[in-house]
Amino acid sequence: MLEIDGSYGEGGGQILRTAISLSTLTKKPIKITNIRANRPNPGIKPQHYISIHSIKELCNAETTGLEIGSPKLTFIPSDFKGGNYKFEIGTAGSIALAFQAIILASLKTKESVTIQLSGGTDVKWAPSWDYFQHVFLRLLEKIGVSVNARLIKRGYYPRGGGEAAITINPCKNIQPLKLDKIQEYTDVNGIVNIANLPEHISTRIKHATIKTLLKSDLKTTLDVEQTESLSPGTGITLWTESKDTILGATILGERGLLSEEIGKNAATKLLNEIESESTLDVYAFDQLLPYMAITKSSGSSSCIVQKISNHAQTNMWLIKQFFDVDFQAKQEEHHIKISIN
């Protein structure tokens, strides 16, 4: 049984989710210890539990220690099966993070899987729904992973209550991601989401975003999605695409953060990615690392990133526990060139 130290590096829920996904995919039984040991509230939290529980149901896994607060977990996967499923996170835990874990675990499925989740769609420390749908899933398409996504209802911290569904289609042929050439970006698209807040907030976010992007030659198209939710919330996701790839940026609203700052920060974040000549933004790089390792048998993957986050470094370490893979990074003036062999 493969043993994983859950406190390694960044030491958060990412280790837990990715380890369970890779265990399911490779059919390697694992034991994870010291789960989130260095965090204020260590152990398995509700948002981690539902990711593991849903994957357990999907692959008939045997588990011990699968309970809220548990510092260790054993997971013995069996065959992955398709079908229709519905799970509730029960908090504002991230739907997108749970979906990402499930998609990775399901790469070898031979039949379609449809999963509906309730929880948080736009929450801190997680991809926003719009980033998940318009950046992450579209990047997966480029390597041959087909997922249909549908937003049913937005959910914000603290009450959640959001709902979304995905259908994962069987993968016929997953290809390496070759993004080592500098790209040209011309347009920016984006969505300002807002619920239970005055309309002028979204207007100010939109205007500040456009004003900041005027410094570039990028044509900007922004939509505002106003809805109702159990908790008030707002945020913006931007993305820009070239012939070969997509870059994204998200900023969520929070108390004390002016609407103008939300728009300005999101636009600045995206412009920094473009100016660094990146072919994957910092977050997409982290999220796609397992797929780059999995496709190694079909050829090496490569990309250009602005920086390597602590999350990504931890992810590289974890992936190496499952696969014989080498991550090479070459620092250049404005960016880092990555190759995965």
C-alpha atoms as a PDB file:
ATOM      1  CA  MET A   1       0.000   0.000   0.000  1.00  0.00           C
ATOM      2  CA  LEU A   2       1.350   3.400  -1.008  1.00  0.00           C
ATOM      3  CA  GLU A   3       1.737   5.738   1.988  1.00  0.00           C
ATOM      4  CA  ILE A   4       1.263   9.487   1.534  1.00  0.00           C
ATOM      5  CA  ASP A   5       2.231  12.147   4.087  1.00  0.00           C
ATOM      6  CA  GLY A   6      -0.714  14.542   4.048  1.00  0.00           C
ATOM      7  CA  SER A   7       1.311  17.289   5.742  1.00  0.00           C
ATOM      8  CA  TYR A   8       3.955  17.478   3.010  1.00  0.00           C
ATOM      9  CA  GLY A   9       4.636  20.889   1.452  1.00  0.00           C
ATOM     10  CA  GLU A  10       1.504  22.984   1.148  1.00  0.00           C
ATOM     11  CA  GLY A  11      -0.226  20.250   3.141  1.00  0.00           C
ATOM     12  CA  GLY A  12      -3.845  21.138   2.359  1.00  0.00           C
ATOM     13  CA  GLY A  13      -6.893  19.393   0.977  1.00  0.00           C
ATOM     14  CA  GLN A  14      -5.313  19.248  -2.463  1.00  0.00           C
ATOM     15  CA  ILE A  15      -3.068  16.337  -1.403  1.00  0.00           C
ATOM     16  CA  LEU A  16      -6.104  14.455  -0.168  1.00  0.00           C
ATOM     17  CA  ARG A  17      -8.254  14.992  -3.273  1.00  0.00           C
ATOM     18  CA  THR A  18      -5.496  14.374  -5.825  1.00  0.00           C
ATOM     19  CA  ALA A  19      -4.166  11.307  -4.025  1.00  0.00           C
ATOM     20  CA  ILE A  20      -7.639   9.716  -3.972  1.00  0.00           C
ATOM     21  CA  SER A  21      -8.126  10.540  -7.665  1.00  0.00           C
ATOM     22  CA  LEU A  22      -4.771   9.068  -8.685  1.00  0.00           C
ATOM     23  CA  SER A  23      -5.351   6.010  -6.489  1.00  0.00           C
ATOM     24  CA  THR A  24      -8.635   5.378  -8.310  1.00  0.00           C
ATOM     25  CA  LEU A  25      -7.080   5.966 -11.718  1.00  0.00           C
ATOM     26  CA  THR A  26      -4.058   3.714 -11.135  1.00  0.00           C
ATOM     27  CA  LYS A  27      -5.871   1.221  -8.861  1.00  0.00           C
ATOM     28  CA  LYS A  28      -3.107   1.641  -6.282  1.00  0.00           C
ATOM     29  CA  PRO A  29      -4.342   1.331  -2.670  1.00  0.00           C
ATOM     30  CA  ILE A  30      -3.147   4.204  -0.493  1.00  0.00           C
ATOM     31  CA  LYS A  31      -2.864   5.258   3.113  1.00  0.00           C
ATOM     32  CA  ILE A  32      -2.802   8.991   3.822  1.00  0.00           C
ATOM     33  CA  THR A  33      -1.546  10.136   7.230  1.00  0.00           C
ATOM     34  CA  ASN A  34      -1.151  13.552   8.898  1.00  0.00           C
ATOM     35  CA  ILE A  35      -4.084  14.914   6.898  1.00  0.00           C
ATOM     36  CA  ARG A  36      -3.884  18.721   6.976  1.00  0.00           C
ATOM     37  CA  ALA A  37      -1.799  18.333  10.145  1.00  0.00           C
ATOM     38  CA  ASN A  38      -0.420  21.880  10.063  1.00  0.00           C
ATOM     39  CA  ARG A  39      -3.770  23.594   9.577  1.00  0.00           C
ATOM     40  CA  PRO A  40      -5.778  25.273  12.390  1.00  0.00           C
ATOM     41  CA  ASN A  41      -8.504  22.610  12.060  1.00  0.00           C
ATOM     42  CA  PRO A  42      -6.631  19.484  10.916  1.00  0.00           C
ATOM     43  CA  GLY A  43      -8.132  16.352   9.445  1.00  0.00           C
ATOM     44  CA  ILE A  44     -10.820  15.758   6.836  1.00  0.00           C
ATOM     45  CA  LYS A  45     -13.278  18.650   6.460  1.00  0.00           C
ATOM     46  CA  PRO A  46     -16.810  18.402   4.979  1.00  0.00           C
ATOM     47  CA  GLN A  47     -15.724  19.683   1.543  1.00  0.00           C
ATOM     48  CA  HIS A  48     -12.972  17.028   1.396  1.00  0.00           C
ATOM     49  CA  TYR A  49     -15.280  14.315   2.678  1.00  0.00           C
ATOM     50  CA  ILE A  50     -17.791  14.668  -0.156  1.00  0.00           C
ATOM     51  CA  SER A  51     -15.049  14.483  -2.818  1.00  0.00           C
ATOM     52  CA  ILE A  52     -13.725  11.254  -1.324  1.00  0.00           C
ATOM     53  CA  HIS A  53     -17.170   9.830  -0.625  1.00  0.00           C
ATOM     54  CA  SER A  54     -18.361  10.469  -4.178  1.00  0.00           C
ATOM     55  CA  ILE A  55     -15.266   8.850  -5.695  1.00  0.00           C
ATOM     56  CA  LYS A  56     -15.666   5.939  -3.271  1.00  0.00           C
ATOM     57  CA  GLU A  57     -19.208   5.415  -4.560  1.00  0.00           C
ATOM     58  CA  LEU A  58     -18.051   5.650  -8.171  1.00  0.00           C
ATOM     59  CA  CYS A  59     -15.338   2.991  -7.829  1.00  0.00           C
ATOM     60  CA  ASN A  60     -16.695   0.725  -5.060  1.00  0.00           C
ATOM     61  CA  ALA A  61     -13.699   1.546  -2.860  1.00  0.00           C
ATOM     62  CA  GLU A  62     -13.035   0.144   0.592  1.00  0.00           C
ATOM     63  CA  THR A  63     -12.106   2.830   3.130  1.00  0.00           C
ATOM     64  CA  THR A  64     -11.174   3.230   6.770  1.00  0.00           C
ATOM     65  CA  GLY A  65     -11.005   6.592   8.493  1.00  0.00           C
ATOM     66  CA  LEU A  66     -13.416   8.300   6.100  1.00  0.00           C
ATOM     67  CA  GLU A  67     -15.081  10.672   8.550  1.00  0.00           C
ATOM     68  CA  ILE A  68     -15.018  14.383   9.355  1.00  0.00           C
ATOM     69  CA  GLY A  69     -11.940  15.287  11.407  1.00  0.00           C
ATOM     70  CA  SER A  70     -10.071  12.060  10.693  1.00  0.00           C
ATOM     71  CA  PRO A  71      -6.260  12.535  10.477  1.00  0.00           C
ATOM     72  CA  LYS A  72      -5.700   9.390   8.398  1.00  0.00           C
ATOM     73  CA  LEU A  73      -7.418   7.467   5.653  1.00  0.00           C
ATOM     74  CA  THR A  74      -6.961   4.210   3.766  1.00  0.00           C
ATOM     75  CA  PHE A  75      -8.492   3.911   0.319  1.00  0.00           C
ATOM     76  CA  ILE A  76      -8.627   0.700  -1.718  1.00  0.00           C
ATOM     77  CA  PRO A  77     -10.256   1.339  -5.128  1.00  0.00           C
ATOM     78  CA  SER A  78     -12.073  -1.128  -7.353  1.00  0.00           C
ATOM     79  CA  ASP A  79     -13.584  -0.772 -10.834  1.00  0.00           C
ATOM     80  CA  PHE A  80     -14.941   2.632 -11.803  1.00  0.00           C
ATOM     81  CA  LYS A  81     -18.567   2.599 -12.936  1.00  0.00           C
ATOM     82  CA  GLY A  82     -20.766   5.057 -14.818  1.00  0.00           C
ATOM     83  CA  GLY A  83     -24.290   6.199 -14.066  1.00  0.00           C
ATOM     84  CA  ASN A  84     -26.111   9.144 -12.493  1.00  0.00           C
ATOM     85  CA  TYR A  85     -25.228  10.455  -9.039  1.00  0.00           C
ATOM     86  CA  LYS A  86     -26.219  13.313  -6.762  1.00  0.00           C
ATOM     87  CA  PHE A  87     -24.261  14.458  -3.706  1.00  0.00           C
ATOM     88  CA  GLU A  88     -24.488  17.346  -1.255  1.00  0.00           C
ATOM     89  CA  ILE A  89     -21.413  19.014   0.205  1.00  0.00           C
ATOM     90  CA  GLY A  90     -23.654  20.499   2.901  1.00  0.00           C
ATOM     91  CA  THR A  91     -21.576  23.680   3.249  1.00  0.00           C
ATOM     92  CA  ALA A  92     -20.184  26.330   0.903  1.00  0.00           C
ATOM     93  CA  GLY A  93     -17.366  23.904   0.062  1.00  0.00           C
ATOM     94  CA  SER A  94     -16.224  24.179  -3.542  1.00  0.00           C
ATOM     95  CA  ILE A  95     -18.210  22.289  -6.164  1.00  0.00           C
ATOM     96  CA  ALA A  96     -15.441  22.941  -8.716  1.00  0.00           C
ATOM     97  CA  LEU A  97     -12.733  21.308  -6.567  1.00  0.00           C
ATOM     98  CA  ALA A  98     -14.921  18.235  -6.023  1.00  0.00           C
ATOM     99  CA  PHE A  99     -15.646  18.014  -9.751  1.00  0.00           C
ATOM    100  CA  GLN A 100     -11.935  18.313 -10.575  1.00  0.00           C
ATOM    101  CA  ALA A 101     -11.148  15.366  -8.304  1.00  0.00           C
ATOM    102  CA  ILE A 102     -13.940  13.273  -9.813  1.00  0.00           C
ATOM    103  CA  ILE A 103     -12.929  14.055 -13.416  1.00  0.00           C
ATOM    104  CA  LEU A 104      -9.323  13.018 -12.776  1.00  0.00           C
ATOM    105  CA  ALA A 105     -10.444   9.799 -11.084  1.00  0.00           C
ATOM    106  CA  SER A 106     -12.751   8.944 -13.992  1.00  0.00           C
ATOM    107  CA  LEU A 107     -10.301   9.191 -16.911  1.00  0.00           C
ATOM    108  CA  LYS A 108     -10.520   5.474 -17.664  1.00  0.00           C
ATOM    109  CA  THR A 109     -14.304   5.201 -17.424  1.00  0.00           C
ATOM    110  CA  LYS A 110     -15.906   3.183 -20.224  1.00  0.00           C
ATOM    111  CA  GLU A 111     -19.356   4.707 -19.785  1.00  0.00           C
ATOM    112  CA  SER A 112     -20.628   8.230 -19.201  1.00  0.00           C
ATOM    113  CA  VAL A 113     -20.924   9.541 -15.660  1.00  0.00           C
ATOM    114  CA  THR A 114     -23.323  12.316 -14.660  1.00  0.00           C
ATOM    115  CA  ILE A 115     -22.874  13.945 -11.261  1.00  0.00           C
ATOM    116  CA  GLN A 116     -24.869  16.733  -9.638  1.00  0.00           C
ATOM    117  CA  LEU A 117     -23.415  18.511  -6.612  1.00  0.00           C
ATOM    118  CA  SER A 118     -24.709  21.168  -4.247  1.00  0.00           C
ATOM    119  CA  GLY A 119     -22.388  23.484  -2.325  1.00  0.00           C
ATOM    120  CA  GLY A 120     -20.385  26.600  -3.212  1.00  0.00           C
ATOM    121  CA  THR A 121     -19.859  27.654  -6.820  1.00  0.00           C
ATOM    122  CA  ASP A 122     -17.845  30.820  -6.142  1.00  0.00           C
ATOM    123  CA  VAL A 123     -15.799  30.590  -2.933  1.00  0.00           C
ATOM    124  CA  LYS A 124     -12.297  31.476  -1.709  1.00  0.00           C
ATOM    125  CA  TRP A 125      -9.307  29.206  -2.303  1.00  0.00           C
ATOM    126  CA  ALA A 126     -11.017  27.442  -5.209  1.00  0.00           C
ATOM    127  CA  PRO A 127     -11.680  27.951  -8.930  1.00  0.00           C
ATOM    128  CA  SER A 128     -14.797  29.998  -9.592  1.00  0.00           C
ATOM    129  CA  TRP A 129     -17.537  28.263 -11.560  1.00  0.00           C
ATOM    130  CA  ASP A 130     -16.798  30.391 -14.613  1.00  0.00           C
ATOM    131  CA  TYR A 131     -13.072  29.607 -14.456  1.00  0.00           C
ATOM    132  CA  PHE A 132     -13.888  25.898 -14.144  1.00  0.00           C
ATOM    133  CA  GLN A 133     -16.252  26.004 -17.130  1.00  0.00           C
ATOM    134  CA  HIS A 134     -14.553  28.477 -19.472  1.00  0.00           C
ATOM    135  CA  VAL A 135     -10.870  27.818 -18.733  1.00  0.00           C
ATOM    136  CA  PHE A 136     -10.221  24.460 -17.033  1.00  0.00           C
ATOM    137  CA  LEU A 137     -12.713  22.319 -18.954  1.00  0.00           C
ATOM    138  CA  ARG A 138     -11.758  23.875 -22.278  1.00  0.00           C
ATOM    139  CA  LEU A 139      -8.087  23.159 -21.614  1.00  0.00           C
ATOM    140  CA  LEU A 140      -9.033  19.551 -20.864  1.00  0.00           C
ATOM    141  CA  GLU A 141     -10.737  19.409 -24.273  1.00  0.00           C
ATOM    142  CA  LYS A 142      -7.388  20.163 -25.884  1.00  0.00           C
ATOM    143  CA  ILE A 143      -5.930  16.918 -24.517  1.00  0.00           C
ATOM    144  CA  GLY A 144      -9.013  14.859 -25.350  1.00  0.00           C
ATOM    145  CA  VAL A 145     -11.045  14.948 -22.116  1.00  0.00           C
ATOM    146  CA  SER A 146     -14.714  15.754 -22.814  1.00  0.00           C
ATOM    147  CA  VAL A 147     -16.879  17.065 -19.973  1.00  0.00           C
ATOM    148  CA  ASN A 148     -20.255  18.813 -20.322  1.00  0.00           C
ATOM    149  CA  ALA A 149     -21.017  21.233 -17.477  1.00  0.00           C
ATOM    150  CA  ARG A 150     -24.209  22.956 -16.395  1.00  0.00           C
ATOM    151  CA  LEU A 151     -24.639  25.615 -13.730  1.00  0.00           C
ATOM    152  CA  ILE A 152     -28.007  25.328 -12.005  1.00  0.00           C
ATOM    153  CA  LYS A 153     -27.658  27.864  -9.190  1.00  0.00           C
ATOM    154  CA  ARG A 154     -24.877  30.032  -7.731  1.00  0.00           C
ATOM    155  CA  GLY A 155     -23.780  29.441  -4.144  1.00  0.00           C
ATOM    156  CA  TYR A 156     -21.581  31.714  -2.018  1.00  0.00           C
ATOM    157  CA  TYR A 157     -20.029  31.612   1.443  1.00  0.00           C
ATOM    158  CA  PRO A 158     -21.256  30.984   4.114  1.00  0.00           C
ATOM    159  CA  ARG A 159     -24.512  29.174   3.248  1.00  0.00           C
ATOM    160  CA  GLY A 160     -23.644  27.682  -0.131  1.00  0.00           C
ATOM    161  CA  GLY A 161     -26.762  26.278  -1.730  1.00  0.00           C
ATOM    162  CA  GLY A 162     -25.308  26.361  -5.238  1.00  0.00           C
ATOM    163  CA  GLU A 163     -25.918  23.509  -7.656  1.00  0.00           C
ATOM    164  CA  ALA A 164     -24.160  22.298 -10.774  1.00  0.00           C
ATOM    165  CA  ALA A 165     -23.894  19.135 -12.829  1.00  0.00           C
ATOM    166  CA  ILE A 166     -21.320  17.569 -15.123  1.00  0.00           C
ATOM    167  CA  THR A 167     -21.346  14.658 -17.526  1.00  0.00           C
ATOM    168  CA  ILE A 168     -17.976  12.983 -18.045  1.00  0.00           C
ATOM    169  CA  ASN A 169     -17.690  11.229 -21.387  1.00  0.00           C
ATOM    170  CA  PRO A 170     -15.352   8.265 -21.972  1.00  0.00           C
ATOM    171  CA  CYS A 171     -11.917   9.374 -23.203  1.00  0.00           C
ATOM    172  CA  LYS A 172     -10.775   7.730 -26.410  1.00  0.00           C
ATOM    173  CA  ASN A 173      -7.290   9.165 -26.720  1.00  0.00           C
ATOM    174  CA  ILE A 174      -5.629  11.602 -24.319  1.00  0.00           C
ATOM    175  CA  GLN A 175      -2.804  13.612 -25.847  1.00  0.00           C
ATOM    176  CA  PRO A 176       0.101  15.537 -24.279  1.00  0.00           C
ATOM    177  CA  LEU A 177      -0.224  19.288 -23.892  1.00  0.00           C
ATOM    178  CA  LYS A 178       2.435  20.998 -26.001  1.00  0.00           C
ATOM    179  CA  LEU A 179       2.439  24.695 -25.193  1.00  0.00           C
ATOM    180  CA  ASP A 180       6.098  25.711 -25.408  1.00  0.00           C
ATOM    181  CA  LYS A 181       5.554  28.408 -28.056  1.00  0.00           C
ATOM    182  CA  ILE A 182       4.721  32.015 -27.143  1.00  0.00           C
ATOM    183  CA  GLN A 183       1.096  32.804 -28.032  1.00  0.00           C
ATOM    184  CA  GLU A 184      -0.806  35.834 -29.290  1.00  0.00           C
ATOM    185  CA  TYR A 185      -3.866  36.958 -27.345  1.00  0.00           C
ATOM    186  CA  THR A 186      -6.274  39.485 -28.851  1.00  0.00           C
ATOM    187  CA  ASP A 187      -9.617  39.327 -27.005  1.00  0.00           C
ATOM    188  CA  VAL A 188     -10.721  39.152 -23.367  1.00  0.00           C
ATOM    189  CA  ASN A 189     -14.063  37.701 -22.318  1.00  0.00           C
ATOM    190  CA  GLY A 190     -15.492  37.673 -18.843  1.00  0.00           C
ATOM    191  CA  ILE A 191     -18.446  37.302 -16.509  1.00  0.00           C
ATOM    192  CA  VAL A 192     -19.278  39.420 -13.481  1.00  0.00           C
ATOM    193  CA  ASN A 193     -21.491  37.352 -11.176  1.00  0.00           C
ATOM    194  CA  ILE A 194     -23.587  38.973  -8.455  1.00  0.00           C
ATOM    195  CA  ALA A 195     -26.342  37.835  -6.093  1.00  0.00           C
ATOM    196  CA  ASN A 196     -28.425  39.663  -3.471  1.00  0.00           C
ATOM    197  CA  LEU A 197     -26.411  42.873  -3.849  1.00  0.00           C
ATOM    198  CA  PRO A 198     -27.137  46.300  -5.418  1.00  0.00           C
ATOM    199  CA  GLU A 199     -26.748  46.463  -9.187  1.00  0.00           C
ATOM    200  CA  HIS A 200     -24.267  49.345  -9.009  1.00  0.00           C
ATOM    201  CA  ILE A 201     -21.655  46.959  -7.570  1.00  0.00           C
ATOM    202  CA  SER A 202     -21.484  44.851 -10.730  1.00  0.00           C
ATOM    203  CA  THR A 203     -21.514  48.006 -12.855  1.00  0.00           C
ATOM    204  CA  ARG A 204     -18.519  49.413 -10.984  1.00  0.00           C
ATOM    205  CA  ILE A 205     -16.649  46.091 -11.255  1.00  0.00           C
ATOM    206  CA  LYS A 206     -17.281  45.992 -14.988  1.00  0.00           C
ATOM    207  CA  HIS A 207     -16.191  49.592 -15.598  1.00  0.00           C
ATOM    208  CA  ALA A 208     -13.000  49.191 -13.536  1.00  0.00           C
ATOM    209  CA  THR A 209     -12.113  46.031 -15.463  1.00  0.00           C
ATOM    210  CA  ILE A 210     -12.593  47.674 -18.846  1.00  0.00           C
ATOM    211  CA  LYS A 211     -10.662  50.773 -17.745  1.00  0.00           C
ATOM    212  CA  THR A 212      -7.679  48.657 -16.670  1.00  0.00           C
ATOM    213  CA  LEU A 213      -7.720  46.592 -19.859  1.00  0.00           C
ATOM    214  CA  LEU A 214      -7.725  49.747 -21.982  1.00  0.00           C
ATOM    215  CA  LYS A 215      -3.977  49.920 -21.296  1.00  0.00           C
ATOM    216  CA  SER A 216      -3.641  46.951 -23.652  1.00  0.00           C
ATOM    217  CA  ASP A 217      -4.807  46.349 -27.209  1.00  0.00           C
ATOM    218  CA  LEU A 218      -7.186  43.619 -26.108  1.00  0.00           C
ATOM    219  CA  LYS A 219     -10.811  43.783 -27.193  1.00  0.00           C
ATOM    220  CA  THR A 220     -12.976  43.228 -24.099  1.00  0.00           C
ATOM    221  CA  THR A 221     -16.454  41.673 -23.824  1.00  0.00           C
ATOM    222  CA  LEU A 222     -17.957  41.428 -20.325  1.00  0.00           C
ATOM    223  CA  ASP A 223     -21.317  39.984 -19.321  1.00  0.00           C
ATOM    224  CA  VAL A 224     -23.070  40.531 -15.991  1.00  0.00           C
ATOM    225  CA  GLU A 225     -24.959  37.604 -14.490  1.00  0.00           C
ATOM    226  CA  GLN A 226     -27.330  38.759 -11.747  1.00  0.00           C
ATOM    227  CA  THR A 227     -29.100  36.111  -9.721  1.00  0.00           C
ATOM    228  CA  GLU A 228     -30.369  35.203  -6.257  1.00  0.00           C
ATOM    229  CA  SER A 229     -28.608  32.970  -3.758  1.00  0.00           C
ATOM    230  CA  LEU A 230     -28.784  31.915  -0.118  1.00  0.00           C
ATOM    231  CA  SER A 231     -25.871  34.258   0.645  1.00  0.00           C
ATOM    232  CA  PRO A 232     -24.878  37.515  -1.062  1.00  0.00           C
ATOM    233  CA  GLY A 233     -21.788  37.394  -3.229  1.00  0.00           C
ATOM    234  CA  THR A 234     -20.008  38.727  -6.251  1.00  0.00           C
ATOM    235  CA  GLY A 235     -16.896  38.141  -8.327  1.00  0.00           C
ATOM    236  CA  ILE A 236     -15.417  38.280 -11.787  1.00  0.00           C
ATOM    237  CA  THR A 237     -13.702  35.765 -14.039  1.00  0.00           C
ATOM    238  CA  LEU A 238     -11.768  36.818 -17.141  1.00  0.00           C
ATOM    239  CA  TRP A 239     -10.219  34.691 -19.860  1.00  0.00           C
ATOM    240  CA  THR A 240      -8.296  35.214 -23.066  1.00  0.00           C
ATOM    241  CA  GLU A 241      -7.489  32.621 -25.687  1.00  0.00           C
ATOM    242  CA  SER A 242      -4.999  32.082 -28.452  1.00  0.00           C
ATOM    243  CA  LYS A 243      -4.986  29.473 -31.179  1.00  0.00           C
ATOM    244  CA  ASP A 244      -3.649  26.855 -28.764  1.00  0.00           C
ATOM    245  CA  THR A 245      -4.522  27.780 -25.183  1.00  0.00           C
ATOM    246  CA  ILE A 246      -6.533  29.850 -22.684  1.00  0.00           C
ATOM    247  CA  LEU A 247      -5.441  32.042 -19.756  1.00  0.00           C
ATOM    248  CA  GLY A 248      -7.801  32.949 -16.924  1.00  0.00           C
ATOM    249  CA  ALA A 249      -8.048  35.117 -13.821  1.00  0.00           C
ATOM    250  CA  THR A 250     -10.606  35.361 -11.020  1.00  0.00           C
ATOM    251  CA  ILE A 251     -11.225  37.762  -8.146  1.00  0.00           C
ATOM    252  CA  LEU A 252     -14.017  37.237  -5.610  1.00  0.00           C
ATOM    253  CA  GLY A 253     -15.699  40.045  -3.753  1.00  0.00           C
ATOM    254  CA  GLU A 254     -15.235  40.258   0.002  1.00  0.00           C
ATOM    255  CA  ARG A 255     -15.954  42.693   2.811  1.00  0.00           C
ATOM    256  CA  GLY A 256     -13.688  45.731   2.660  1.00  0.00           C
ATOM    257  CA  LEU A 257     -12.709  45.227  -0.974  1.00  0.00           C
ATOM    258  CA  LEU A 258     -14.026  48.020  -3.187  1.00  0.00           C
ATOM    259  CA  SER A 259     -15.857  47.093  -6.374  1.00  0.00           C
ATOM    260  CA  GLU A 260     -13.288  49.066  -8.363  1.00  0.00           C
ATOM    261  CA  GLU A 261     -10.484  47.013  -6.801  1.00  0.00           C
ATOM    262  CA  ILE A 262     -12.179  43.739  -7.747  1.00  0.00           C
ATOM    263  CA  GLY A 263     -12.293  44.719 -11.415  1.00  0.00           C
ATOM    264  CA  LYS A 264      -8.841  46.284 -11.442  1.00  0.00           C
ATOM    265  CA  ASN A 265      -7.228  43.315  -9.665  1.00  0.00           C
ATOM    266  CA  ALA A 266      -8.792  40.762 -12.025  1.00  0.00           C
ATOM    267  CA  ALA A 267      -7.681  42.672 -15.111  1.00  0.00           C
ATOM    268  CA  THR A 268      -4.180  43.230 -13.718  1.00  0.00           C
ATOM    269  CA  LYS A 269      -3.894  39.553 -12.860  1.00  0.00           C
ATOM    270  CA  LEU A 270      -4.741  38.529 -16.420  1.00  0.00           C
ATOM    271  CA  LEU A 271      -2.452  41.177 -17.945  1.00  0.00           C
ATOM    272  CA  ASN A 272       0.442  39.908 -15.804  1.00  0.00           C
ATOM    273  CA  GLU A 273      -0.098  36.415 -17.204  1.00  0.00           C
ATOM    274  CA  ILE A 274      -0.116  37.744 -20.765  1.00  0.00           C
ATOM    275  CA  GLU A 275       2.930  39.964 -20.246  1.00  0.00           C
ATOM    276  CA  SER A 276       4.908  37.040 -18.814  1.00  0.00           C
ATOM    277  CA  GLU A 277       4.245  35.213 -22.118  1.00  0.00           C
ATOM    278  CA  SER A 278       2.573  32.359 -20.238  1.00  0.00           C
ATOM    279  CA  THR A 279       0.754  29.588 -22.059  1.00  0.00           C
ATOM    280  CA  LEU A 280      -0.917  28.364 -18.851  1.00  0.00           C
ATOM    281  CA  ASP A 281      -1.870  30.621 -15.981  1.00  0.00           C
ATOM    282  CA  VAL A 282      -0.528  29.795 -12.519  1.00  0.00           C
ATOM    283  CA  TYR A 283      -3.699  27.975 -11.431  1.00  0.00           C
ATOM    284  CA  ALA A 284      -4.304  26.021 -14.633  1.00  0.00           C
ATOM    285  CA  PHE A 285      -0.712  24.766 -14.519  1.00  0.00           C
ATOM    286  CA  ASP A 286      -1.276  23.358 -11.039  1.00  0.00           C
ATOM    287  CA  GLN A 287      -4.599  21.782 -12.007  1.00  0.00           C
ATOM    288  CA  LEU A 288      -3.287  20.204 -15.224  1.00  0.00           C
ATOM    289  CA  LEU A 289      -0.082  18.723 -13.820  1.00  0.00           C
ATOM    290  CA  PRO A 290      -1.617  15.254 -13.216  1.00  0.00           C
ATOM    291  CA  TYR A 291      -2.871  15.116 -16.816  1.00  0.00           C
ATOM    292  CA  MET A 292       0.568  16.030 -18.135  1.00  0.00           C
ATOM    293  CA  ALA A 293       2.041  13.150 -16.138  1.00  0.00           C
ATOM    294  CA  ILE A 294      -0.632  10.704 -17.298  1.00  0.00           C
ATOM    295  CA  THR A 295      -0.044  11.498 -20.986  1.00  0.00           C
ATOM    296  CA  LYS A 296       3.722  10.926 -20.694  1.00  0.00           C
ATOM    297  CA  SER A 297       3.461   7.586 -22.513  1.00  0.00           C
ATOM    298  CA  SER A 298       2.183   9.443 -25.599  1.00  0.00           C
ATOM    299  CA  GLY A 299       4.909  12.085 -25.488  1.00  0.00           C
ATOM    300  CA  SER A 300       6.225  14.895 -23.311  1.00  0.00           C
ATOM    301  CA  SER A 301       4.087  17.874 -22.291  1.00  0.00           C
ATOM    302  CA  SER A 302       5.409  21.420 -22.076  1.00  0.00           C
ATOM    303  CA  CYS A 303       4.234  24.907 -21.170  1.00  0.00           C
ATOM    304  CA  ILE A 304       5.326  28.384 -20.116  1.00  0.00           C
ATOM    305  CA  VAL A 305       4.301  29.727 -16.704  1.00  0.00           C
ATOM    306  CA  GLN A 306       4.753  32.967 -14.832  1.00  0.00           C
ATOM    307  CA  LYS A 307       5.776  31.146 -11.636  1.00  0.00           C
ATOM    308  CA  ILE A 308       5.467  27.804  -9.859  1.00  0.00           C
ATOM    309  CA  SER A 309       3.182  28.064  -6.834  1.00  0.00           C
ATOM    310  CA  ASN A 310       3.589  26.147  -3.567  1.00  0.00           C
ATOM    311  CA  HIS A 311       0.467  24.214  -4.575  1.00  0.00           C
ATOM    312  CA  ALA A 312       2.136  23.152  -7.831  1.00  0.00           C
ATOM    313  CA  GLN A 313       5.351  22.112  -6.083  1.00  0.00           C
ATOM    314  CA  THR A 314       3.343  19.924  -3.691  1.00  0.00           C
ATOM    315  CA  ASN A 315       1.408  18.503  -6.620  1.00  0.00           C
ATOM    316  CA  MET A 316       4.649  17.577  -8.424  1.00  0.00           C
ATOM    317  CA  TRP A 317       5.846  15.705  -5.338  1.00  0.00           C
ATOM    318  CA  LEU A 318       2.541  13.842  -5.014  1.00  0.00           C
ATOM    319  CA  ILE A 319       2.389  12.893  -8.697  1.00  0.00           C
ATOM    320  CA  LYS A 320       5.871  11.385  -8.433  1.00  0.00           C
ATOM    321  CA  GLN A 321       4.551   8.990  -5.784  1.00  0.00           C
ATOM    322  CA  PHE A 322       2.326   7.442  -8.464  1.00  0.00           C
ATOM    323  CA  PHE A 323       4.231   7.907 -11.729  1.00  0.00           C
ATOM    324  CA  ASP A 324       7.808   7.730 -12.972  1.00  0.00           C
ATOM    325  CA  VAL A 325       7.882  11.270 -14.266  1.00  0.00           C
ATOM    326  CA  ASP A 326      10.398  14.109 -14.390  1.00  0.00           C
ATOM    327  CA  PHE A 327       9.459  17.795 -14.107  1.00  0.00           C
ATOM    328  CA  GLN A 328      12.056  20.156 -15.564  1.00  0.00           C
ATOM    329  CA  ALA A 329      11.925  23.929 -15.089  1.00  0.00           C
ATOM    330  CA  LYS A 330      14.078  26.486 -16.874  1.00  0.00           C
ATOM    331  CA  GLN A 331      13.987  30.044 -15.541  1.00  0.00           C
ATOM    332  CA  GLU A 332      14.032  32.717 -18.240  1.00  0.00           C
ATOM    333  CA  GLU A 333      13.743  36.497 -18.046  1.00  0.00           C
ATOM    334  CA  HIS A 334       9.948  36.830 -17.844  1.00  0.00           C
ATOM    335  CA  HIS A 335       8.779  33.286 -17.204  1.00  0.00           C
ATOM    336  CA  ILE A 336       9.617  29.632 -16.549  1.00  0.00           C
ATOM    337  CA  LYS A 337       9.627  26.969 -19.268  1.00  0.00           C
ATOM    338  CA  ILE A 338       8.344  23.614 -18.060  1.00  0.00           C
ATOM    339  CA  SER A 339       8.706  20.192 -19.597  1.00  0.00           C
ATOM    340  CA  ILE A 340       7.257  16.964 -18.263  1.00  0.00           C
ATOM    341  CA  ASN A 341       8.995  13.766 -19.384  1.00  0.00           C
END
